[in-house]
mmCIF file of all heavy atoms, coordinates in Angstrom:
data_MODEL
# 
_entry.id   MODEL 
# 
loop_
_atom_site.group_PDB 
_atom_site.id 
_atom_site.type_symbol 
_atom_site.label_atom_id 
_atom_site.label_alt_id 
_atom_site.label_comp_id 
_atom_site.label_asym_id 
_atom_site.label_entity_id 
_atom_site.label_seq_id 
_atom_site.pdbx_PDB_ins_code 
_atom_site.Cartn_x 
_atom_site.Cartn_y 
_atom_site.Cartn_z 
_atom_site.occupancy 
_atom_site.B_iso_or_equiv 
_atom_site.pdbx_formal_charge 
_atom_site.auth_seq_id 
_atom_site.auth_comp_id 
_atom_site.auth_asym_id 
_atom_site.auth_atom_id 
_atom_site.pdbx_PDB_model_num 
ATOM 1   N N   . ILE A 1 1  ? 381.377 166.689 367.243 1.00 0.00 ? 1  ILE A N   1 
ATOM 2   C CA  . ILE A 1 1  ? 381.230 166.688 368.703 1.00 0.00 ? 1  ILE A CA  1 
ATOM 3   C C   . ILE A 1 1  ? 380.013 165.891 369.145 1.00 0.00 ? 1  ILE A C   1 
ATOM 4   O O   . ILE A 1 1  ? 380.093 165.007 369.991 1.00 0.00 ? 1  ILE A O   1 
ATOM 5   C CB  . ILE A 1 1  ? 381.091 168.137 369.231 1.00 0.00 ? 1  ILE A CB  1 
ATOM 6   C CG1 . ILE A 1 1  ? 382.283 168.996 368.831 1.00 0.00 ? 1  ILE A CG1 1 
ATOM 7   C CG2 . ILE A 1 1  ? 380.941 168.124 370.752 1.00 0.00 ? 1  ILE A CG2 1 
ATOM 8   C CD1 . ILE A 1 1  ? 382.060 170.471 369.089 1.00 0.00 ? 1  ILE A CD1 1 
ATOM 9   N N   . GLN A 1 2  ? 378.852 166.240 368.610 1.00 0.00 ? 2  GLN A N   1 
ATOM 10  C CA  . GLN A 1 2  ? 377.546 165.695 368.984 1.00 0.00 ? 2  GLN A CA  1 
ATOM 11  C C   . GLN A 1 2  ? 377.259 165.983 370.461 1.00 0.00 ? 2  GLN A C   1 
ATOM 12  O O   . GLN A 1 2  ? 377.717 166.983 370.995 1.00 0.00 ? 2  GLN A O   1 
ATOM 13  C CB  . GLN A 1 2  ? 377.451 164.229 368.582 1.00 0.00 ? 2  GLN A CB  1 
ATOM 14  C CG  . GLN A 1 2  ? 377.676 164.062 367.062 1.00 0.00 ? 2  GLN A CG  1 
ATOM 15  C CD  . GLN A 1 2  ? 377.449 162.668 366.570 1.00 0.00 ? 2  GLN A CD  1 
ATOM 16  O OE1 . GLN A 1 2  ? 376.404 162.082 366.775 1.00 0.00 ? 2  GLN A OE1 1 
ATOM 17  N NE2 . GLN A 1 2  ? 378.448 162.119 365.877 1.00 0.00 ? 2  GLN A NE2 1 
ATOM 18  N N   . GLY A 1 3  ? 376.495 165.129 371.128 1.00 0.00 ? 3  GLY A N   1 
ATOM 19  C CA  . GLY A 1 3  ? 376.093 165.478 372.481 1.00 0.00 ? 3  GLY A CA  1 
ATOM 20  C C   . GLY A 1 3  ? 374.927 166.448 372.435 1.00 0.00 ? 3  GLY A C   1 
ATOM 21  O O   . GLY A 1 3  ? 373.812 166.081 372.105 1.00 0.00 ? 3  GLY A O   1 
ATOM 22  N N   . THR A 1 4  ? 375.187 167.721 372.704 1.00 0.00 ? 4  THR A N   1 
ATOM 23  C CA  . THR A 1 4  ? 374.176 168.768 372.606 1.00 0.00 ? 4  THR A CA  1 
ATOM 24  C C   . THR A 1 4  ? 374.575 169.797 371.561 1.00 0.00 ? 4  THR A C   1 
ATOM 25  O O   . THR A 1 4  ? 375.762 170.122 371.429 1.00 0.00 ? 4  THR A O   1 
ATOM 26  C CB  . THR A 1 4  ? 373.968 169.479 373.960 1.00 0.00 ? 4  THR A CB  1 
ATOM 27  O OG1 . THR A 1 4  ? 373.066 170.580 373.786 1.00 0.00 ? 4  THR A OG1 1 
ATOM 28  C CG2 . THR A 1 4  ? 375.280 170.017 374.533 1.00 0.00 ? 4  THR A CG2 1 
ATOM 29  N N   . GLU A 1 5  ? 373.584 170.320 370.833 1.00 0.00 ? 5  GLU A N   1 
ATOM 30  C CA  . GLU A 1 5  ? 373.876 171.401 369.889 1.00 0.00 ? 5  GLU A CA  1 
ATOM 31  C C   . GLU A 1 5  ? 374.332 172.653 370.630 1.00 0.00 ? 5  GLU A C   1 
ATOM 32  O O   . GLU A 1 5  ? 374.995 173.513 370.043 1.00 0.00 ? 5  GLU A O   1 
ATOM 33  C CB  . GLU A 1 5  ? 372.632 171.717 369.047 1.00 0.00 ? 5  GLU A CB  1 
ATOM 34  C CG  . GLU A 1 5  ? 372.269 170.602 368.067 1.00 0.00 ? 5  GLU A CG  1 
ATOM 35  C CD  . GLU A 1 5  ? 371.053 170.951 367.221 1.00 0.00 ? 5  GLU A CD  1 
ATOM 36  O OE1 . GLU A 1 5  ? 370.560 172.085 367.333 1.00 0.00 ? 5  GLU A OE1 1 
ATOM 37  O OE2 . GLU A 1 5  ? 370.594 170.072 366.463 1.00 0.00 ? 5  GLU A OE2 1 
ATOM 38  N N   . GLN A 1 6  ? 373.984 172.763 371.904 1.00 0.00 ? 6  GLN A N   1 
ATOM 39  C CA  . GLN A 1 6  ? 374.402 173.921 372.696 1.00 0.00 ? 6  GLN A CA  1 
ATOM 40  C C   . GLN A 1 6  ? 375.820 173.726 373.241 1.00 0.00 ? 6  GLN A C   1 
ATOM 41  O O   . GLN A 1 6  ? 376.113 173.957 374.419 1.00 0.00 ? 6  GLN A O   1 
ATOM 42  C CB  . GLN A 1 6  ? 373.416 174.155 373.840 1.00 0.00 ? 6  GLN A CB  1 
ATOM 43  C CG  . GLN A 1 6  ? 372.008 174.485 373.392 1.00 0.00 ? 6  GLN A CG  1 
ATOM 44  C CD  . GLN A 1 6  ? 371.958 175.692 372.457 1.00 0.00 ? 6  GLN A CD  1 
ATOM 45  O OE1 . GLN A 1 6  ? 372.576 176.715 372.733 1.00 0.00 ? 6  GLN A OE1 1 
ATOM 46  N NE2 . GLN A 1 6  ? 371.239 175.575 371.352 1.00 0.00 ? 6  GLN A NE2 1 
ATOM 47  N N   . THR A 1 7  ? 376.689 173.293 372.358 1.00 0.00 ? 7  THR A N   1 
ATOM 48  C CA  . THR A 1 7  ? 378.120 173.240 372.624 1.00 0.00 ? 7  THR A CA  1 
ATOM 49  C C   . THR A 1 7  ? 378.765 174.388 371.862 1.00 0.00 ? 7  THR A C   1 
ATOM 50  O O   . THR A 1 7  ? 378.360 174.702 370.737 1.00 0.00 ? 7  THR A O   1 
ATOM 51  C CB  . THR A 1 7  ? 378.719 171.895 372.180 1.00 0.00 ? 7  THR A CB  1 
ATOM 52  O OG1 . THR A 1 7  ? 378.148 170.848 372.960 1.00 0.00 ? 7  THR A OG1 1 
ATOM 53  C CG2 . THR A 1 7  ? 380.228 171.863 372.368 1.00 0.00 ? 7  THR A CG2 1 
ATOM 54  N N   . TYR A 1 8  ? 379.749 175.007 372.478 1.00 0.00 ? 8  TYR A N   1 
ATOM 55  C CA  . TYR A 1 8  ? 380.386 176.191 371.901 1.00 0.00 ? 8  TYR A CA  1 
ATOM 56  C C   . TYR A 1 8  ? 381.894 175.986 371.874 1.00 0.00 ? 8  TYR A C   1 
ATOM 57  O O   . TYR A 1 8  ? 382.486 175.524 372.853 1.00 0.00 ? 8  TYR A O   1 
ATOM 58  C CB  . TYR A 1 8  ? 380.037 177.437 372.718 1.00 0.00 ? 8  TYR A CB  1 
ATOM 59  C CG  . TYR A 1 8  ? 378.553 177.717 372.738 1.00 0.00 ? 8  TYR A CG  1 
ATOM 60  C CD1 . TYR A 1 8  ? 377.704 177.040 373.607 1.00 0.00 ? 8  TYR A CD1 1 
ATOM 61  C CD2 . TYR A 1 8  ? 377.987 178.631 371.857 1.00 0.00 ? 8  TYR A CD2 1 
ATOM 62  C CE1 . TYR A 1 8  ? 376.332 177.257 373.607 1.00 0.00 ? 8  TYR A CE1 1 
ATOM 63  C CE2 . TYR A 1 8  ? 376.623 178.873 371.853 1.00 0.00 ? 8  TYR A CE2 1 
ATOM 64  C CZ  . TYR A 1 8  ? 375.804 178.175 372.725 1.00 0.00 ? 8  TYR A CZ  1 
ATOM 65  O OH  . TYR A 1 8  ? 374.448 178.399 372.710 1.00 0.00 ? 8  TYR A OH  1 
ATOM 66  N N   . THR A 1 9  ? 382.485 176.328 370.747 1.00 0.00 ? 9  THR A N   1 
ATOM 67  C CA  . THR A 1 9  ? 383.938 176.258 370.599 1.00 0.00 ? 9  THR A CA  1 
ATOM 68  C C   . THR A 1 9  ? 384.540 177.632 370.842 1.00 0.00 ? 9  THR A C   1 
ATOM 69  O O   . THR A 1 9  ? 384.025 178.644 370.364 1.00 0.00 ? 9  THR A O   1 
ATOM 70  C CB  . THR A 1 9  ? 384.327 175.785 369.186 1.00 0.00 ? 9  THR A CB  1 
ATOM 71  O OG1 . THR A 1 9  ? 383.840 174.455 368.986 1.00 0.00 ? 9  THR A OG1 1 
ATOM 72  C CG2 . THR A 1 9  ? 385.837 175.801 368.993 1.00 0.00 ? 9  THR A CG2 1 
ATOM 73  N N   . THR A 1 10 ? 385.635 177.657 371.598 1.00 0.00 ? 10 THR A N   1 
ATOM 74  C CA  . THR A 1 10 ? 386.438 178.868 371.722 1.00 0.00 ? 10 THR A CA  1 
ATOM 75  C C   . THR A 1 10 ? 387.714 178.669 370.925 1.00 0.00 ? 10 THR A C   1 
ATOM 76  O O   . THR A 1 10 ? 388.444 177.701 371.165 1.00 0.00 ? 10 THR A O   1 
ATOM 77  C CB  . THR A 1 10 ? 386.792 179.168 373.190 1.00 0.00 ? 10 THR A CB  1 
ATOM 78  O OG1 . THR A 1 10 ? 385.592 179.430 373.915 1.00 0.00 ? 10 THR A OG1 1 
ATOM 79  C CG2 . THR A 1 10 ? 387.693 180.388 373.285 1.00 0.00 ? 10 THR A CG2 1 
ATOM 80  N N   . TRP A 1 11 ? 387.964 179.559 369.976 1.00 0.00 ? 11 TRP A N   1 
ATOM 81  C CA  . TRP A 1 11 ? 389.189 179.513 369.170 1.00 0.00 ? 11 TRP A CA  1 
ATOM 82  C C   . TRP A 1 11 ? 390.091 180.641 369.632 1.00 0.00 ? 11 TRP A C   1 
ATOM 83  O O   . TRP A 1 11 ? 389.681 181.808 369.663 1.00 0.00 ? 11 TRP A O   1 
ATOM 84  C CB  . TRP A 1 11 ? 388.860 179.670 367.684 1.00 0.00 ? 11 TRP A CB  1 
ATOM 85  C CG  . TRP A 1 11 ? 390.041 179.478 366.762 1.00 0.00 ? 11 TRP A CG  1 
ATOM 86  C CD1 . TRP A 1 11 ? 390.523 178.289 366.286 1.00 0.00 ? 11 TRP A CD1 1 
ATOM 87  C CD2 . TRP A 1 11 ? 390.883 180.503 366.198 1.00 0.00 ? 11 TRP A CD2 1 
ATOM 88  N NE1 . TRP A 1 11 ? 391.602 178.512 365.458 1.00 0.00 ? 11 TRP A NE1 1 
ATOM 89  C CE2 . TRP A 1 11 ? 391.847 179.853 365.393 1.00 0.00 ? 11 TRP A CE2 1 
ATOM 90  C CE3 . TRP A 1 11 ? 390.913 181.889 366.316 1.00 0.00 ? 11 TRP A CE3 1 
ATOM 91  C CZ2 . TRP A 1 11 ? 392.834 180.554 364.697 1.00 0.00 ? 11 TRP A CZ2 1 
ATOM 92  C CZ3 . TRP A 1 11 ? 391.891 182.602 365.623 1.00 0.00 ? 11 TRP A CZ3 1 
ATOM 93  C CH2 . TRP A 1 11 ? 392.841 181.929 364.821 1.00 0.00 ? 11 TRP A CH2 1 
ATOM 94  N N   . ILE A 1 12 ? 391.322 180.282 369.999 1.00 0.00 ? 12 ILE A N   1 
ATOM 95  C CA  . ILE A 1 12 ? 392.273 181.258 370.523 1.00 0.00 ? 12 ILE A CA  1 
ATOM 96  C C   . ILE A 1 12 ? 393.598 181.087 369.798 1.00 0.00 ? 12 ILE A C   1 
ATOM 97  O O   . ILE A 1 12 ? 394.224 180.016 369.881 1.00 0.00 ? 12 ILE A O   1 
ATOM 98  C CB  . ILE A 1 12 ? 392.503 181.066 372.038 1.00 0.00 ? 12 ILE A CB  1 
ATOM 99  C CG1 . ILE A 1 12 ? 391.174 181.072 372.806 1.00 0.00 ? 12 ILE A CG1 1 
ATOM 100 C CG2 . ILE A 1 12 ? 393.454 182.133 372.584 1.00 0.00 ? 12 ILE A CG2 1 
ATOM 101 C CD1 . ILE A 1 12 ? 391.300 180.613 374.242 1.00 0.00 ? 12 ILE A CD1 1 
ATOM 102 N N   . PRO A 1 13 ? 394.074 182.097 369.081 1.00 0.00 ? 13 PRO A N   1 
ATOM 103 C CA  . PRO A 1 13 ? 395.406 181.998 368.486 1.00 0.00 ? 13 PRO A CA  1 
ATOM 104 C C   . PRO A 1 13 ? 396.465 182.188 369.569 1.00 0.00 ? 13 PRO A C   1 
ATOM 105 O O   . PRO A 1 13 ? 396.281 182.982 370.494 1.00 0.00 ? 13 PRO A O   1 
ATOM 106 C CB  . PRO A 1 13 ? 395.430 183.144 367.469 1.00 0.00 ? 13 PRO A CB  1 
ATOM 107 C CG  . PRO A 1 13 ? 394.482 184.153 368.035 1.00 0.00 ? 13 PRO A CG  1 
ATOM 108 C CD  . PRO A 1 13 ? 393.415 183.382 368.765 1.00 0.00 ? 13 PRO A CD  1 
ATOM 109 N N   . LEU A 1 14 ? 397.553 181.456 369.446 1.00 0.00 ? 14 LEU A N   1 
ATOM 110 C CA  . LEU A 1 14 ? 398.632 181.559 370.431 1.00 0.00 ? 14 LEU A CA  1 
ATOM 111 C C   . LEU A 1 14 ? 399.648 182.600 369.965 1.00 0.00 ? 14 LEU A C   1 
ATOM 112 O O   . LEU A 1 14 ? 400.771 182.291 369.594 1.00 0.00 ? 14 LEU A O   1 
ATOM 113 C CB  . LEU A 1 14 ? 399.280 180.188 370.638 1.00 0.00 ? 14 LEU A CB  1 
ATOM 114 C CG  . LEU A 1 14 ? 398.344 179.096 371.148 1.00 0.00 ? 14 LEU A CG  1 
ATOM 115 C CD1 . LEU A 1 14 ? 399.083 177.769 371.261 1.00 0.00 ? 14 LEU A CD1 1 
ATOM 116 C CD2 . LEU A 1 14 ? 397.706 179.477 372.476 1.00 0.00 ? 14 LEU A CD2 1 
ATOM 117 N N   . GLY A 1 15 ? 399.211 183.838 369.978 1.00 0.00 ? 15 GLY A N   1 
ATOM 118 C CA  . GLY A 1 15 ? 400.016 184.953 369.499 1.00 0.00 ? 15 GLY A CA  1 
ATOM 119 C C   . GLY A 1 15 ? 399.211 185.807 368.535 1.00 0.00 ? 15 GLY A C   1 
ATOM 120 O O   . GLY A 1 15 ? 398.040 185.536 368.268 1.00 0.00 ? 15 GLY A O   1 
ATOM 121 N N   . GLU A 1 16 ? 399.829 186.838 368.024 1.00 0.00 ? 16 GLU A N   1 
ATOM 122 C CA  . GLU A 1 16 ? 399.170 187.685 367.031 1.00 0.00 ? 16 GLU A CA  1 
ATOM 123 C C   . GLU A 1 16 ? 398.803 186.841 365.811 1.00 0.00 ? 16 GLU A C   1 
ATOM 124 O O   . GLU A 1 16 ? 399.591 186.003 365.355 1.00 0.00 ? 16 GLU A O   1 
ATOM 125 C CB  . GLU A 1 16 ? 400.101 188.815 366.597 1.00 0.00 ? 16 GLU A CB  1 
ATOM 126 C CG  . GLU A 1 16 ? 400.607 189.700 367.737 1.00 0.00 ? 16 GLU A CG  1 
ATOM 127 C CD  . GLU A 1 16 ? 399.586 190.748 368.132 1.00 0.00 ? 16 GLU A CD  1 
ATOM 128 O OE1 . GLU A 1 16 ? 398.757 191.115 367.280 1.00 0.00 ? 16 GLU A OE1 1 
ATOM 129 O OE2 . GLU A 1 16 ? 399.617 191.190 369.289 1.00 0.00 ? 16 GLU A OE2 1 
ATOM 130 N N   . CYS A 1 17 ? 397.612 187.052 365.268 1.00 0.00 ? 17 CYS A N   1 
ATOM 131 C CA  . CYS A 1 17 ? 397.185 186.256 364.110 1.00 0.00 ? 17 CYS A CA  1 
ATOM 132 C C   . CYS A 1 17 ? 396.440 187.135 363.118 1.00 0.00 ? 17 CYS A C   1 
ATOM 133 O O   . CYS A 1 17 ? 395.202 187.207 363.136 1.00 0.00 ? 17 CYS A O   1 
ATOM 134 C CB  . CYS A 1 17 ? 396.313 185.085 364.543 1.00 0.00 ? 17 CYS A CB  1 
ATOM 135 S SG  . CYS A 1 17 ? 395.954 183.925 363.187 1.00 0.00 ? 17 CYS A SG  1 
ATOM 136 N N   . PRO A 1 18 ? 397.170 187.826 362.230 1.00 0.00 ? 18 PRO A N   1 
ATOM 137 C CA  . PRO A 1 18 ? 396.501 188.573 361.160 1.00 0.00 ? 18 PRO A CA  1 
ATOM 138 C C   . PRO A 1 18 ? 395.867 187.622 360.156 1.00 0.00 ? 18 PRO A C   1 
ATOM 139 O O   . PRO A 1 18 ? 396.150 186.413 360.160 1.00 0.00 ? 18 PRO A O   1 
ATOM 140 C CB  . PRO A 1 18 ? 397.659 189.369 360.536 1.00 0.00 ? 18 PRO A CB  1 
ATOM 141 C CG  . PRO A 1 18 ? 398.875 188.554 360.819 1.00 0.00 ? 18 PRO A CG  1 
ATOM 142 C CD  . PRO A 1 18 ? 398.632 187.905 362.159 1.00 0.00 ? 18 PRO A CD  1 
ATOM 143 N N   . GLU A 1 19 ? 395.031 188.152 359.297 1.00 0.00 ? 19 GLU A N   1 
ATOM 144 C CA  . GLU A 1 19 ? 394.316 187.305 358.330 1.00 0.00 ? 19 GLU A CA  1 
ATOM 145 C C   . GLU A 1 19 ? 395.266 186.438 357.512 1.00 0.00 ? 19 GLU A C   1 
ATOM 146 O O   . GLU A 1 19 ? 394.991 185.258 357.271 1.00 0.00 ? 19 GLU A O   1 
ATOM 147 C CB  . GLU A 1 19 ? 393.463 188.179 357.403 1.00 0.00 ? 19 GLU A CB  1 
ATOM 148 C CG  . GLU A 1 19 ? 392.272 188.835 358.078 1.00 0.00 ? 19 GLU A CG  1 
ATOM 149 C CD  . GLU A 1 19 ? 391.438 189.658 357.115 1.00 0.00 ? 19 GLU A CD  1 
ATOM 150 O OE1 . GLU A 1 19 ? 391.455 189.338 355.911 1.00 0.00 ? 19 GLU A OE1 1 
ATOM 151 O OE2 . GLU A 1 19 ? 390.775 190.620 357.555 1.00 0.00 ? 19 GLU A OE2 1 
ATOM 152 N N   . GLU A 1 20 ? 396.402 186.995 357.085 1.00 0.00 ? 20 GLU A N   1 
ATOM 153 C CA  . GLU A 1 20 ? 397.296 186.245 356.204 1.00 0.00 ? 20 GLU A CA  1 
ATOM 154 C C   . GLU A 1 20 ? 397.979 185.076 356.914 1.00 0.00 ? 20 GLU A C   1 
ATOM 155 O O   . GLU A 1 20 ? 398.528 184.184 356.261 1.00 0.00 ? 20 GLU A O   1 
ATOM 156 C CB  . GLU A 1 20 ? 398.353 187.165 355.593 1.00 0.00 ? 20 GLU A CB  1 
ATOM 157 C CG  . GLU A 1 20 ? 399.265 187.852 356.598 1.00 0.00 ? 20 GLU A CG  1 
ATOM 158 C CD  . GLU A 1 20 ? 398.754 189.223 357.018 1.00 0.00 ? 20 GLU A CD  1 
ATOM 159 O OE1 . GLU A 1 20 ? 397.540 189.474 356.882 1.00 0.00 ? 20 GLU A OE1 1 
ATOM 160 O OE2 . GLU A 1 20 ? 399.586 190.036 357.482 1.00 0.00 ? 20 GLU A OE2 1 
ATOM 161 N N   . LEU A 1 21 ? 397.952 185.060 358.252 1.00 0.00 ? 21 LEU A N   1 
ATOM 162 C CA  . LEU A 1 21 ? 398.527 183.936 358.983 1.00 0.00 ? 21 LEU A CA  1 
ATOM 163 C C   . LEU A 1 21 ? 397.514 182.797 359.120 1.00 0.00 ? 21 LEU A C   1 
ATOM 164 O O   . LEU A 1 21 ? 397.884 181.683 359.500 1.00 0.00 ? 21 LEU A O   1 
ATOM 165 C CB  . LEU A 1 21 ? 399.007 184.395 360.369 1.00 0.00 ? 21 LEU A CB  1 
ATOM 166 C CG  . LEU A 1 21 ? 399.813 183.402 361.206 1.00 0.00 ? 21 LEU A CG  1 
ATOM 167 C CD1 . LEU A 1 21 ? 401.056 182.919 360.467 1.00 0.00 ? 21 LEU A CD1 1 
ATOM 168 C CD2 . LEU A 1 21 ? 400.193 184.009 362.545 1.00 0.00 ? 21 LEU A CD2 1 
ATOM 169 N N   . GLY A 1 22 ? 396.249 183.074 358.781 1.00 0.00 ? 22 GLY A N   1 
ATOM 170 C CA  . GLY A 1 22 ? 395.244 182.017 358.817 1.00 0.00 ? 22 GLY A CA  1 
ATOM 171 C C   . GLY A 1 22 ? 394.254 182.163 359.944 1.00 0.00 ? 22 GLY A C   1 
ATOM 172 O O   . GLY A 1 22 ? 393.943 181.184 360.634 1.00 0.00 ? 22 GLY A O   1 
ATOM 173 N N   . SER A 1 23 ? 393.741 183.360 360.143 1.00 0.00 ? 23 SER A N   1 
ATOM 174 C CA  . SER A 1 23 ? 392.777 183.573 361.228 1.00 0.00 ? 23 SER A CA  1 
ATOM 175 C C   . SER A 1 23 ? 391.445 182.896 360.915 1.00 0.00 ? 23 SER A C   1 
ATOM 176 O O   . SER A 1 23 ? 391.185 182.490 359.783 1.00 0.00 ? 23 SER A O   1 
ATOM 177 C CB  . SER A 1 23 ? 392.566 185.072 361.484 1.00 0.00 ? 23 SER A CB  1 
ATOM 178 O OG  . SER A 1 23 ? 392.021 185.710 360.347 1.00 0.00 ? 23 SER A OG  1 
ATOM 179 N N   . LEU A 1 24 ? 390.603 182.784 361.935 1.00 0.00 ? 24 LEU A N   1 
ATOM 180 C CA  . LEU A 1 24 ? 389.323 182.090 361.807 1.00 0.00 ? 24 LEU A CA  1 
ATOM 181 C C   . LEU A 1 24 ? 388.241 183.039 361.305 1.00 0.00 ? 24 LEU A C   1 
ATOM 182 O O   . LEU A 1 24 ? 388.211 184.212 361.676 1.00 0.00 ? 24 LEU A O   1 
ATOM 183 C CB  . LEU A 1 24 ? 388.898 181.525 363.167 1.00 0.00 ? 24 LEU A CB  1 
ATOM 184 C CG  . LEU A 1 24 ? 387.692 180.593 363.107 1.00 0.00 ? 24 LEU A CG  1 
ATOM 185 C CD1 . LEU A 1 24 ? 388.164 179.156 362.927 1.00 0.00 ? 24 LEU A CD1 1 
ATOM 186 C CD2 . LEU A 1 24 ? 386.853 180.700 364.369 1.00 0.00 ? 24 LEU A CD2 1 
ATOM 187 N N   . THR A 1 25 ? 387.336 182.518 360.496 1.00 0.00 ? 25 THR A N   1 
ATOM 188 C CA  . THR A 1 25 ? 386.192 183.283 360.016 1.00 0.00 ? 25 THR A CA  1 
ATOM 189 C C   . THR A 1 25 ? 384.912 182.490 360.275 1.00 0.00 ? 25 THR A C   1 
ATOM 190 O O   . THR A 1 25 ? 384.930 181.261 360.293 1.00 0.00 ? 25 THR A O   1 
ATOM 191 C CB  . THR A 1 25 ? 386.299 183.591 358.503 1.00 0.00 ? 25 THR A CB  1 
ATOM 192 O OG1 . THR A 1 25 ? 386.196 182.370 357.768 1.00 0.00 ? 25 THR A OG1 1 
ATOM 193 C CG2 . THR A 1 25 ? 387.616 184.259 358.178 1.00 0.00 ? 25 THR A CG2 1 
ATOM 194 N N   . VAL A 1 26 ? 383.818 183.206 360.475 1.00 0.00 ? 26 VAL A N   1 
ATOM 195 C CA  . VAL A 1 26 ? 382.529 182.587 360.790 1.00 0.00 ? 26 VAL A CA  1 
ATOM 196 C C   . VAL A 1 26 ? 381.475 183.085 359.812 1.00 0.00 ? 26 VAL A C   1 
ATOM 197 O O   . VAL A 1 26 ? 381.454 184.276 359.457 1.00 0.00 ? 26 VAL A O   1 
ATOM 198 C CB  . VAL A 1 26 ? 382.099 182.918 362.238 1.00 0.00 ? 26 VAL A CB  1 
ATOM 199 C CG1 . VAL A 1 26 ? 380.718 182.350 362.539 1.00 0.00 ? 26 VAL A CG1 1 
ATOM 200 C CG2 . VAL A 1 26 ? 383.115 182.371 363.234 1.00 0.00 ? 26 VAL A CG2 1 
# 
């Protein structure tokens, strides 16, 4: 992205997303 480090990503699954479907981890 660059620009500013104070950029934030919002991750939204389009439906139910259990871990086995590939959910996001931080």
